[in-house]
Amino acid sequence: MARNDGVDRTSVRNLAVSDKAVGNTQQHNEREKDSYRNPDIIPQRTAWNVHFKKPTASYTDLFAQLETAGTISTRGLKPDATHYCELVFDVNSAYFDNHGGYEFAKQFYADAYKAAVRVVGGEQYILSAVMHADEINRAITEALDREVYHYHLHVVYVPVVEKQILWSKRCKDKALVGTVKETVMQVSRSKKWASKPLLDDAGEPVLQKNGKPVLKKSYSILQDDFFNYMHNAGYTDVERGERGSTEEHLTVTQFKVQREQERLDSLTAQADQKAQSLAKTSQTLSKKEKELATVQKKAALTQNALIHAQDVASLGKKTLLGNYSLTEEEFSQLKSQAAHGFMVDMENRQLKQQLSAAQQDSIKWQTRYRNLRNEVQPYLDAMRHAPERVRNFFENLLSQKPERTASIPKDRHHEQNAEL
């Protein structure tokens, strides 16, 4: 399944089609219905679908014709055996859209059809092969604001394996008993898609601990074969579908549900990414707004100070004698500014004195630290050169109990005081 990591991957699903379901499969693939449950199907686009092998009759009639002609054999089949299978070849829609769309998809699936013929074992066993070009990819359509369609290929076929019919013991010519009487192409889905032994680099089977061969699932082999064929055909910009996938067992409805879930996950991821980007932008904007507010505040203070300084500078008028005369209001304002300037000057002096004292204290403490460092340096050097011995020394020293000074009995102490 797609993982929304930007990598284009091939995908091929192999579906078993029962006799009861083959009619519905035909109606879907050949677009014979008047309406469809799948809302992605655009009926006006049906003419764009491409048949690489167009059925000349119903699937069941074609099967009967093959059996009558001896092309296939149903000898020995159980009543409930599977007579039909369907291969669905697929690559994500973006791959085709990035390579030109419809025309590129037609060429890609023309080559994929050649791969299908090899997988099936011959074109004579294929009942229908049609590329659907009428199913819209709503996720990409919404993202790009233009119609983008999901191109994929349906190949309905009869699963057959070669089977040799041997002469039985009832044969009159005893020399022929056990030899090959005839070779037929037997209808058998289980044998067609039986797991095969996993081979090592030397072409030998890889064995388990119990000696039995390790089996490689037929679906994994199918994925490998399709990828290798398309890669050799020149489509080197696609990767193999995911290993360990269970797509072989998915119905068409389940597959489409998963694709819709992928679409939802992709849209959710895009929304989360945009939300994160918006949050980051909002944080940056908030930070810039705070910085702007600080700058504006400083600018306002500077502007006020400048205006105030200009006001003070403009006080008074020069007289004819060269002196300056002030009005009562100007004189009062000048005295107020002078007093304020004096107070500020005093505060600055006090702060300078406190700073000088703090610097002196710092110098004293630095001197004390150096003296103390010099005193304990021998111990530090000893710890660096012989830490274990120094540690043992101090532990022994601290473990020794200090000598207790004999205390004077309380009564004797009173007697001495009395004698004094």
Protein backbone atom coordinates (compact mmCIF):
# COMPACT_ATOMS: atom_id res chain seq x y z
CA MET A 1 0.00 0.00 0.00
CA ALA A 2 1.09 3.57 -0.48
CA ARG A 3 2.86 5.13 2.46
CA ASN A 4 2.62 8.83 1.56
CA ASP A 5 6.40 9.10 1.39
CA GLY A 6 6.62 10.45 -2.17
CA VAL A 7 7.83 7.13 -3.65
CA ASP A 8 6.02 5.69 -6.69
CA ARG A 9 5.38 1.95 -6.30
CA THR A 10 4.04 -0.76 -8.58
CA SER A 11 1.22 -2.89 -7.24
CA VAL A 12 -0.55 -5.96 -8.57
CA ARG A 13 -3.38 -7.77 -6.78
CA ASN A 14 -4.59 -11.26 -7.58
CA LEU A 15 -8.27 -11.82 -6.76
CA ALA A 16 -10.24 -15.05 -6.82
CA VAL A 17 -13.59 -14.59 -8.62
CA SER A 18 -16.31 -17.12 -7.84
CA ASP A 19 -18.93 -18.25 -10.37
CA LYS A 20 -21.52 -16.21 -8.44
CA ALA A 21 -19.42 -13.05 -8.49
CA VAL A 22 -18.13 -13.22 -12.07
CA GLY A 23 -21.25 -11.51 -13.45
CA ASN A 24 -20.82 -8.52 -11.14
CA THR A 25 -17.11 -8.37 -12.01
CA GLN A 26 -17.99 -8.22 -15.69
CA GLN A 27 -20.59 -5.47 -15.16
CA HIS A 28 -18.06 -3.41 -13.22
CA ASN A 29 -15.08 -3.88 -15.51
CA GLU A 30 -17.02 -3.46 -18.75
CA ARG A 31 -19.09 -0.57 -17.35
CA GLU A 32 -22.41 -2.30 -18.06
CA LYS A 33 -24.27 -0.87 -15.05
CA ASP A 34 -26.57 2.12 -15.11
CA SER A 35 -25.21 3.38 -11.77
CA TYR A 36 -22.36 2.53 -9.40
CA ARG A 37 -21.89 2.63 -5.67
CA ASN A 38 -18.37 3.96 -6.18
CA PRO A 39 -18.79 7.78 -6.29
CA ASP A 40 -15.38 8.17 -7.96
CA ILE A 41 -16.62 6.69 -11.25
CA ILE A 42 -17.46 9.46 -13.72
CA PRO A 43 -19.82 7.99 -16.38
CA GLN A 44 -18.97 10.77 -18.85
CA ARG A 45 -15.37 9.47 -18.87
CA THR A 46 -16.22 5.83 -19.70
CA ALA A 47 -15.32 6.35 -23.35
CA TRP A 48 -11.73 7.02 -22.24
CA ASN A 49 -11.34 3.46 -20.93
CA VAL A 50 -8.95 1.36 -23.04
CA HIS A 51 -9.36 -2.36 -23.87
CA PHE A 52 -6.18 -4.31 -24.55
CA LYS A 53 -8.37 -7.36 -25.01
CA LYS A 54 -12.07 -6.72 -25.44
CA PRO A 55 -14.40 -9.64 -24.62
CA THR A 56 -16.53 -10.84 -27.56
CA ALA A 57 -19.09 -12.44 -25.23
CA SER A 58 -19.82 -12.74 -21.51
CA TYR A 59 -17.08 -14.07 -19.28
CA THR A 60 -18.99 -17.30 -18.67
CA ASP A 61 -19.61 -17.83 -22.38
CA LEU A 62 -15.94 -17.26 -23.15
CA PHE A 63 -15.01 -19.81 -20.47
CA ALA A 64 -17.39 -22.36 -22.02
CA GLN A 65 -15.89 -21.71 -25.46
CA LEU A 66 -12.38 -22.40 -24.15
CA GLU A 67 -13.53 -25.62 -22.53
CA THR A 68 -15.35 -26.79 -25.68
CA ALA A 69 -12.29 -26.05 -27.82
CA GLY A 70 -10.10 -28.07 -25.46
CA THR A 71 -7.97 -25.04 -24.64
CA ILE A 72 -8.70 -25.62 -20.95
CA SER A 73 -9.82 -28.66 -18.98
CA THR A 74 -12.07 -28.89 -15.95
CA ARG A 75 -11.56 -32.61 -15.52
CA GLY A 76 -11.53 -33.62 -11.85
CA LEU A 77 -12.55 -30.19 -10.55
CA LYS A 78 -14.75 -29.93 -7.47
CA PRO A 79 -18.17 -28.27 -7.91
CA ASP A 80 -17.09 -25.25 -5.86
CA ALA A 81 -13.73 -24.81 -7.57
CA THR A 82 -12.62 -21.32 -8.62
CA HIS A 83 -12.83 -20.88 -12.39
CA TYR A 84 -11.86 -17.21 -12.69
CA CYS A 85 -9.21 -14.86 -11.34
CA GLU A 86 -8.54 -11.16 -11.76
CA LEU A 87 -5.26 -9.23 -11.77
CA VAL A 88 -5.43 -5.53 -10.90
CA PHE A 89 -2.30 -3.58 -11.89
CA ASP A 90 -1.83 -0.23 -10.25
CA VAL A 91 0.55 2.67 -9.52
CA ASN A 92 -0.30 5.77 -7.51
CA SER A 93 -2.13 8.51 -9.46
CA ALA A 94 0.62 11.10 -8.96
CA TYR A 95 3.04 8.95 -10.97
CA PHE A 96 0.95 9.21 -14.12
CA ASP A 97 0.06 12.86 -13.53
CA ASN A 98 3.75 13.73 -13.25
CA HIS A 99 4.52 11.90 -16.52
CA GLY A 100 1.85 13.36 -18.78
CA GLY A 101 -1.35 11.72 -17.59
CA TYR A 102 -3.63 9.74 -19.93
CA GLU A 103 -1.26 9.05 -22.85
CA PHE A 104 1.54 7.91 -20.57
CA ALA A 105 -0.88 5.68 -18.63
CA LYS A 106 -2.02 3.99 -21.88
CA GLN A 107 1.57 3.12 -22.79
CA PHE A 108 2.40 1.98 -19.27
CA TYR A 109 -0.55 -0.40 -19.09
CA ALA A 110 0.04 -1.63 -22.64
CA ASP A 111 3.39 -2.87 -21.30
CA ALA A 112 1.73 -4.08 -18.11
CA TYR A 113 -0.66 -6.13 -20.24
CA LYS A 114 2.34 -7.87 -21.81
CA ALA A 115 3.48 -8.72 -18.28
CA ALA A 116 -0.01 -10.07 -17.54
CA VAL A 117 0.16 -12.39 -20.57
CA ARG A 118 3.41 -13.83 -19.21
CA VAL A 119 1.98 -14.19 -15.70
CA VAL A 120 -1.19 -15.92 -16.93
CA GLY A 121 0.70 -18.18 -19.29
CA GLY A 122 -0.76 -17.02 -22.59
CA GLU A 123 -3.18 -14.50 -24.05
CA GLN A 124 -5.66 -17.28 -24.89
CA TYR A 125 -6.49 -17.61 -21.18
CA ILE A 126 -7.33 -13.90 -20.79
CA LEU A 127 -11.04 -13.08 -21.05
CA SER A 128 -10.79 -9.30 -20.72
CA ALA A 129 -8.16 -6.62 -20.14
CA VAL A 130 -9.30 -3.02 -19.68
CA MET A 131 -7.64 0.13 -18.36
CA HIS A 132 -10.04 2.28 -16.36
CA ALA A 133 -9.57 6.00 -16.93
CA ASP A 134 -12.91 7.15 -15.54
CA GLU A 135 -12.25 7.00 -11.77
CA ILE A 136 -11.28 10.37 -10.35
CA ASN A 137 -8.71 10.78 -7.59
CA ARG A 138 -10.47 13.27 -5.35
CA ALA A 139 -7.51 13.86 -3.01
CA ILE A 140 -5.15 15.07 -5.74
CA THR A 141 -7.99 16.81 -7.58
CA GLU A 142 -8.76 18.85 -4.46
CA ALA A 143 -5.07 19.55 -3.82
CA LEU A 144 -4.28 20.70 -7.39
CA ASP A 145 -7.69 22.23 -8.11
CA ARG A 146 -7.97 20.31 -11.40
CA GLU A 147 -9.26 16.87 -12.37
CA VAL A 148 -6.78 14.02 -11.87
CA TYR A 149 -7.83 10.44 -12.63
CA HIS A 150 -6.65 7.15 -11.15
CA TYR A 151 -5.55 4.86 -13.99
CA HIS A 152 -5.43 1.10 -13.34
CA LEU A 153 -5.73 -2.14 -15.31
CA HIS A 154 -8.17 -5.05 -14.78
CA VAL A 155 -7.24 -8.42 -16.32
CA VAL A 156 -9.77 -11.28 -15.92
CA TYR A 157 -8.35 -14.69 -16.79
CA VAL A 158 -8.70 -18.45 -16.29
CA PRO A 159 -6.03 -19.86 -13.96
CA VAL A 160 -4.50 -22.97 -15.54
CA VAL A 161 -1.54 -25.27 -14.99
CA GLU A 162 -0.05 -27.87 -17.25
CA LYS A 163 -1.08 -31.41 -16.29
CA GLN A 164 0.06 -34.67 -17.82
CA ILE A 165 -2.54 -37.45 -18.18
CA LEU A 166 -0.93 -40.88 -17.93
CA TRP A 167 -2.03 -44.17 -19.47
CA SER A 168 -3.77 -46.26 -16.82
CA LYS A 169 -3.41 -49.98 -16.15
CA ARG A 170 -6.51 -50.63 -18.23
CA CYS A 171 -4.56 -49.73 -21.35
CA LYS A 172 -4.34 -52.73 -23.69
CA ASP A 173 -0.77 -51.87 -24.59
CA LYS A 174 0.98 -52.57 -21.29
CA ALA A 175 4.07 -50.83 -22.56
CA LEU A 176 2.20 -47.54 -22.46
CA VAL A 177 1.03 -47.85 -18.82
CA GLY A 178 2.43 -44.98 -16.79
CA THR A 179 3.54 -42.98 -19.79
CA VAL A 180 2.08 -39.63 -20.88
CA LYS A 181 -1.17 -40.05 -22.73
CA GLU A 182 -1.87 -36.33 -23.19
CA THR A 183 -1.04 -32.92 -21.73
CA VAL A 184 -3.90 -30.60 -20.80
CA MET A 185 -4.18 -27.13 -19.28
CA GLN A 186 -6.15 -27.83 -16.14
CA VAL A 187 -8.14 -25.09 -14.43
CA SER A 188 -6.71 -24.80 -10.92
CA ARG A 189 -6.22 -21.64 -8.92
CA SER A 190 -4.56 -23.42 -5.98
CA LYS A 191 -1.89 -25.02 -8.18
CA LYS A 192 -1.44 -21.89 -10.27
CA TRP A 193 -0.66 -19.87 -7.17
CA ALA A 194 1.05 -22.50 -5.04
CA SER A 195 3.97 -21.25 -2.95
CA LYS A 196 7.39 -22.09 -4.36
CA PRO A 197 10.70 -22.97 -2.62
CA LEU A 198 12.94 -20.02 -1.85
CA LEU A 199 16.29 -20.39 -3.66
CA ASP A 200 19.69 -19.13 -2.55
CA ASP A 201 22.29 -17.45 -4.77
CA ALA A 202 23.44 -20.85 -6.03
CA GLY A 203 19.91 -21.79 -7.06
CA GLU A 204 19.51 -24.31 -4.25
CA PRO A 205 16.43 -24.41 -1.97
CA VAL A 206 16.78 -22.61 1.37
CA LEU A 207 15.99 -25.12 4.14
CA GLN A 208 14.43 -24.69 7.57
CA LYS A 209 15.92 -26.22 10.72
CA ASN A 210 13.72 -29.29 10.23
CA GLY A 211 15.09 -29.78 6.74
CA LYS A 212 11.96 -28.64 4.92
CA PRO A 213 12.33 -25.97 2.24
CA VAL A 214 11.42 -22.37 3.00
CA LEU A 215 8.43 -21.44 0.83
CA LYS A 216 8.07 -18.07 -0.89
CA LYS A 217 4.47 -16.91 -1.17
CA SER A 218 3.09 -16.79 -4.69
CA TYR A 219 1.86 -13.24 -4.16
CA SER A 220 5.39 -12.08 -3.35
CA ILE A 221 6.62 -13.79 -6.52
CA LEU A 222 3.90 -12.02 -8.51
CA GLN A 223 4.99 -8.64 -7.16
CA ASP A 224 8.62 -9.41 -8.01
CA ASP A 225 7.80 -10.57 -11.54
CA PHE A 226 5.65 -7.51 -12.32
CA PHE A 227 8.20 -5.06 -10.93
CA ASN A 228 11.10 -6.72 -12.75
CA TYR A 229 9.20 -6.78 -16.05
CA MET A 230 8.24 -3.09 -15.86
CA HIS A 231 11.74 -2.14 -14.74
CA ASN A 232 13.23 -3.98 -17.74
CA ALA A 233 10.66 -2.28 -19.98
CA GLY A 234 12.21 1.07 -19.05
CA TYR A 235 10.10 2.20 -16.10
CA THR A 236 13.04 2.59 -13.75
CA ASP A 237 11.53 5.38 -11.66
CA VAL A 238 9.09 3.14 -9.79
CA GLU A 239 9.77 0.92 -6.79
CA ARG A 240 8.44 -2.53 -5.97
CA GLY A 241 5.22 -2.71 -3.95
CA GLU A 242 5.59 -3.28 -0.23
CA ARG A 243 6.74 -6.70 0.86
CA GLY A 244 4.63 -8.60 3.34
CA SER A 245 1.46 -6.95 2.08
CA THR A 246 -1.86 -8.82 2.28
CA GLU A 247 -3.44 -7.12 -0.72
CA GLU A 248 -3.93 -10.56 -2.32
CA HIS A 249 -6.78 -11.19 0.08
CA LEU A 250 -8.48 -7.79 -0.18
CA THR A 251 -11.78 -7.33 -1.93
CA VAL A 252 -12.24 -4.37 -4.25
CA THR A 253 -14.35 -2.61 -1.61
CA GLN A 254 -11.71 -3.16 1.09
CA PHE A 255 -9.02 -1.91 -1.24
CA LYS A 256 -10.95 1.29 -2.00
CA VAL A 257 -11.61 1.83 1.71
CA GLN A 258 -7.89 1.62 2.35
CA ARG A 259 -7.22 4.06 -0.47
CA GLU A 260 -9.74 6.49 1.02
CA GLN A 261 -8.01 6.10 4.38
CA GLU A 262 -4.72 6.95 2.69
CA ARG A 263 -6.35 10.03 1.19
CA LEU A 264 -7.65 11.06 4.61
CA ASP A 265 -4.24 10.46 6.20
CA SER A 266 -2.58 12.54 3.52
CA LEU A 267 -5.01 15.44 3.96
CA THR A 268 -4.66 15.20 7.74
CA ALA A 269 -0.88 15.32 7.44
CA GLN A 270 -1.11 18.37 5.19
CA ALA A 271 -3.47 20.08 7.65
CA ASP A 272 -1.14 19.30 10.57
CA GLN A 273 1.82 20.67 8.64
CA LYS A 274 -0.04 23.87 7.81
CA ALA A 275 -1.18 24.19 11.44
CA GLN A 276 2.40 23.82 12.66
CA SER A 277 3.56 26.38 10.13
CA LEU A 278 0.81 28.77 11.25
CA ALA A 279 1.71 28.29 14.92
CA LYS A 280 5.38 28.94 14.17
CA THR A 281 4.48 32.05 12.18
CA SER A 282 2.23 33.25 15.02
CA GLN A 283 5.06 32.78 17.54
CA THR A 284 7.46 34.71 15.32
CA LEU A 285 4.88 37.47 14.83
CA SER A 286 4.26 37.71 18.57
CA LYS A 287 8.00 37.97 19.23
CA LYS A 288 8.38 40.66 16.59
CA GLU A 289 5.42 42.58 18.02
CA LYS A 290 7.05 42.55 21.49
CA GLU A 291 10.34 43.72 20.02
CA LEU A 292 8.51 46.47 18.14
CA ALA A 293 6.68 47.53 21.31
CA THR A 294 10.00 47.78 23.18
CA VAL A 295 11.56 49.83 20.40
CA GLN A 296 8.51 52.08 20.25
CA LYS A 297 8.66 52.60 24.03
CA LYS A 298 12.34 53.52 23.90
CA ALA A 299 11.67 55.80 20.93
CA ALA A 300 8.87 57.52 22.82
CA LEU A 301 11.12 58.08 25.87
CA THR A 302 13.88 59.41 23.67
CA GLN A 303 11.47 61.65 21.82
CA ASN A 304 10.02 62.97 25.09
CA ALA A 305 13.49 63.62 26.45
CA LEU A 306 14.47 65.42 23.26
CA ILE A 307 11.34 67.57 23.31
CA HIS A 308 11.91 68.34 26.98
CA ALA A 309 15.53 69.29 26.31
CA GLN A 310 14.44 71.55 23.47
CA ASP A 311 11.88 73.17 25.75
CA VAL A 312 14.54 73.89 28.38
CA ALA A 313 16.93 75.24 25.77
CA SER A 314 14.28 77.65 24.51
CA LEU A 315 13.60 79.21 27.94
CA GLY A 316 14.27 82.94 28.34
CA LYS A 317 14.80 85.90 26.07
CA LYS A 318 18.00 87.80 25.45
CA THR A 319 17.84 91.48 26.47
CA LEU A 320 19.51 94.45 24.81
CA LEU A 321 22.27 94.38 27.42
CA GLY A 322 23.11 90.74 26.64
CA ASN A 323 21.36 89.25 29.63
CA TYR A 324 18.45 86.78 29.67
CA SER A 325 15.06 87.45 31.20
CA LEU A 326 12.69 84.70 32.34
CA THR A 327 9.02 84.75 33.07
CA GLU A 328 7.86 83.50 36.48
CA GLU A 329 6.61 80.25 34.91
CA GLU A 330 9.89 79.70 33.03
CA PHE A 331 11.91 80.47 36.15
CA SER A 332 9.85 77.95 38.16
CA GLN A 333 10.30 75.32 35.43
CA LEU A 334 14.04 75.91 35.29
CA LYS A 335 14.40 75.57 39.10
CA SER A 336 12.39 72.32 38.98
CA GLN A 337 14.63 70.90 36.26
CA ALA A 338 17.75 72.01 38.09
CA ALA A 339 16.57 70.30 41.29
CA HIS A 340 15.70 67.14 39.37
CA GLY A 341 19.09 67.16 37.64
CA PHE A 342 20.84 67.60 41.01
CA MET A 343 18.97 64.60 42.47
CA VAL A 344 19.79 62.47 39.45
CA ASP A 345 23.43 63.54 39.70
CA MET A 346 23.47 62.53 43.38
CA GLU A 347 21.93 59.15 42.60
CA ASN A 348 24.54 58.56 39.92
CA ARG A 349 27.33 59.42 42.37
CA GLN A 350 25.93 57.00 44.96
CA LEU A 351 25.63 54.25 42.37
CA LYS A 352 29.22 54.84 41.27
CA GLN A 353 30.35 54.62 44.91
CA GLN A 354 28.41 51.37 45.40
CA LEU A 355 29.90 49.98 42.22
CA SER A 356 33.40 50.92 43.33
CA ALA A 357 32.82 49.29 46.73
CA ALA A 358 31.50 46.14 45.07
CA GLN A 359 34.55 46.02 42.82
CA GLN A 360 36.80 46.34 45.88
CA ASP A 361 34.92 43.50 47.61
CA SER A 362 35.28 41.42 44.50
CA ILE A 363 39.03 41.98 44.48
CA LYS A 364 39.23 40.98 48.19
CA TRP A 365 37.23 37.79 47.63
CA GLN A 366 39.33 36.92 44.60
CA THR A 367 42.47 37.36 46.75
CA ARG A 368 41.01 35.15 49.51
CA TYR A 369 40.07 32.53 46.93
CA ARG A 370 43.62 32.48 45.51
CA ASN A 371 45.11 32.20 48.99
CA LEU A 372 42.74 29.39 49.92
CA ARG A 373 43.45 27.69 46.57
CA ASN A 374 47.20 27.87 47.28
CA GLU A 375 46.68 26.37 50.74
CA VAL A 376 44.70 23.37 49.51
CA GLN A 377 46.68 22.92 46.28
CA PRO A 378 48.96 20.23 47.78
CA TYR A 379 45.89 18.21 48.77
CA LEU A 380 44.39 18.66 45.31
CA ASP A 381 47.65 17.55 43.71
CA ALA A 382 47.75 14.52 45.99
CA MET A 383 44.17 13.64 45.08
CA ARG A 384 45.04 13.91 41.40
CA HIS A 385 48.17 11.71 41.63
CA ALA A 386 47.07 9.21 44.27
CA PRO A 387 43.35 9.58 44.93
CA GLU A 388 42.93 6.14 46.49
CA ARG A 389 45.72 6.61 49.02
CA VAL A 390 44.49 10.09 50.00
CA ARG A 391 40.94 8.84 50.34
CA ASN A 392 42.06 5.93 52.55
CA PHE A 393 44.13 8.32 54.66
CA PHE A 394 41.19 10.62 55.38
CA GLU A 395 38.82 7.71 55.98
CA ASN A 396 41.22 6.23 58.56
CA LEU A 397 41.69 9.63 60.13
CA LEU A 398 37.98 10.33 60.39
CA SER A 399 37.23 6.85 61.68
CA GLN A 400 39.47 7.34 64.73
CA LYS A 401 37.55 8.43 67.84
CA PRO A 402 38.86 11.66 69.42
CA GLU A 403 40.31 11.37 72.93
CA ARG A 404 37.82 12.48 75.53
CA THR A 405 39.02 14.92 78.20
CA ALA A 406 38.30 13.63 81.70
CA SER A 407 35.45 15.61 83.13
CA ILE A 408 35.54 16.88 86.66
CA PRO A 409 32.84 15.34 88.85
CA LYS A 410 30.04 17.74 89.61
CA ASP A 411 30.51 17.51 93.39
CA ARG A 412 34.26 17.98 93.10
CA HIS A 413 33.65 21.05 91.01
CA HIS A 414 31.55 22.56 93.80
CA GLU A 415 34.25 21.79 96.32
CA GLN A 416 36.86 23.58 94.24
CA ASN A 417 34.60 26.59 93.97
CA ALA A 418 34.11 26.55 97.72
CA GLU A 419 37.83 26.42 98.36
CA LEU A 420 38.26 29.38 96.11
